[in-house]
Amino acid sequence: MVWWVTCFIATVGTIIAKWYFTTAIERLRQNLLREQREALAMKGELSDLRADQKGKNRLAREREAEIKRFKTNIAQLQGEIHGLEDELKNG
């Protein structure tokens, strides 16, 4: 009789443990899937931000080059103006 009770308790314990661990594993799996989706979304946002930053850096370099060209043109025009002023003084 004791053996039957022990076997019954062991069987019930095994069934309960199987149910508990199955539900725990399923919860973990769902959490992992959710975190993977969030990570993929964040990866996409990061990719978009990197592309945006590349574009901004390119525009900044273009503006720097344009400013340099303007400075060169201004210096050249100032040289021409000084040359014309000297001609007027001497002329």
Protein backbone atom coordinates (compact mmCIF):
# COMPACT_ATOMS: atom_id res chain seq x y z
CA MET A 1 0.00 0.00 0.00
CA VAL A 2 2.85 2.43 0.83
CA TRP A 3 4.39 1.72 -2.58
CA TRP A 4 1.18 2.63 -4.36
CA VAL A 5 0.90 5.92 -2.47
CA THR A 6 4.57 6.70 -3.16
CA CYS A 7 4.15 5.92 -6.88
CA PHE A 8 0.98 8.03 -7.02
CA ILE A 9 2.66 11.00 -5.33
CA ALA A 10 5.71 10.64 -7.60
CA THR A 11 3.47 10.52 -10.69
CA VAL A 12 1.47 13.56 -9.60
CA GLY A 13 4.71 15.39 -8.73
CA THR A 14 6.17 14.55 -12.15
CA ILE A 15 3.03 15.78 -13.93
CA ILE A 16 3.01 19.02 -11.93
CA ALA A 17 6.76 19.55 -12.55
CA LYS A 18 6.28 18.93 -16.28
CA TRP A 19 3.44 21.44 -16.42
CA TYR A 20 5.39 24.04 -14.43
CA PHE A 21 8.58 23.76 -16.47
CA THR A 22 6.68 23.68 -19.75
CA THR A 23 4.86 26.93 -18.92
CA ALA A 24 8.09 28.49 -17.60
CA ILE A 25 9.93 27.58 -20.79
CA GLU A 26 7.08 28.96 -22.90
CA ARG A 27 7.17 32.24 -20.97
CA LEU A 28 10.94 32.44 -21.46
CA ARG A 29 10.52 31.73 -25.17
CA GLN A 30 7.89 34.47 -25.52
CA ASN A 31 10.09 36.94 -23.64
CA LEU A 32 13.03 36.06 -25.87
CA LEU A 33 10.95 36.56 -29.02
CA ARG A 34 9.72 39.93 -27.74
CA GLU A 35 13.27 41.03 -26.90
CA GLN A 36 14.47 39.88 -30.32
CA ARG A 37 11.74 41.94 -32.02
CA GLU A 38 12.69 44.95 -29.91
CA ALA A 39 16.38 44.45 -30.72
CA LEU A 40 15.61 44.27 -34.45
CA ALA A 41 13.54 47.44 -34.21
CA MET A 42 16.35 49.20 -32.35
CA LYS A 43 18.84 47.93 -34.92
CA GLY A 44 16.70 49.45 -37.67
CA GLU A 45 16.52 52.76 -35.82
CA LEU A 46 20.28 52.69 -35.31
CA SER A 47 20.80 52.04 -39.00
CA ASP A 48 18.52 54.97 -39.86
CA LEU A 49 20.36 57.23 -37.41
CA ARG A 50 23.73 56.21 -38.86
CA ALA A 51 22.54 56.96 -42.39
CA ASP A 52 21.18 60.32 -41.22
CA GLN A 53 24.48 61.11 -39.49
CA LYS A 54 26.42 60.20 -42.65
CA GLY A 55 24.23 62.60 -44.62
CA LYS A 56 24.75 65.38 -42.09
CA ASN A 57 28.52 64.80 -42.09
CA ARG A 58 28.57 64.94 -45.89
CA LEU A 59 26.61 68.21 -45.86
CA ALA A 60 28.98 69.64 -43.25
CA ARG A 61 32.01 68.73 -45.38
CA GLU A 62 30.36 70.26 -48.44
CA ARG A 63 29.63 73.46 -46.50
CA GLU A 64 33.21 73.60 -45.25
CA ALA A 65 34.47 73.26 -48.82
CA GLU A 66 32.04 75.94 -49.97
CA ILE A 67 33.18 78.29 -47.19
CA LYS A 68 36.79 77.67 -48.18
CA ARG A 69 35.94 78.51 -51.81
CA PHE A 70 34.16 81.68 -50.70
CA LYS A 71 37.13 82.73 -48.58
CA THR A 72 39.45 82.13 -51.54
CA ASN A 73 37.17 84.13 -53.85
CA ILE A 74 36.89 86.95 -51.30
CA ALA A 75 40.66 87.08 -50.92
CA GLN A 76 41.04 87.12 -54.69
CA LEU A 77 38.46 89.90 -55.05
CA GLN A 78 40.12 91.89 -52.27
CA GLY A 79 43.41 91.57 -54.14
CA GLU A 80 41.77 92.86 -57.30
CA ILE A 81 40.16 95.74 -55.39
CA HIS A 82 43.52 96.70 -53.84
CA GLY A 83 45.11 96.52 -57.29
CA LEU A 84 42.43 98.79 -58.75
CA GLU A 85 42.76 101.20 -55.84
CA ASP A 86 46.53 101.33 -56.38
CA GLU A 87 45.97 102.03 -60.10
CA LEU A 88 43.59 104.87 -59.25
CA LYS A 89 46.09 106.36 -56.80
CA ASN A 90 48.96 106.07 -59.24
CA GLY A 91 46.98 106.85 -62.32
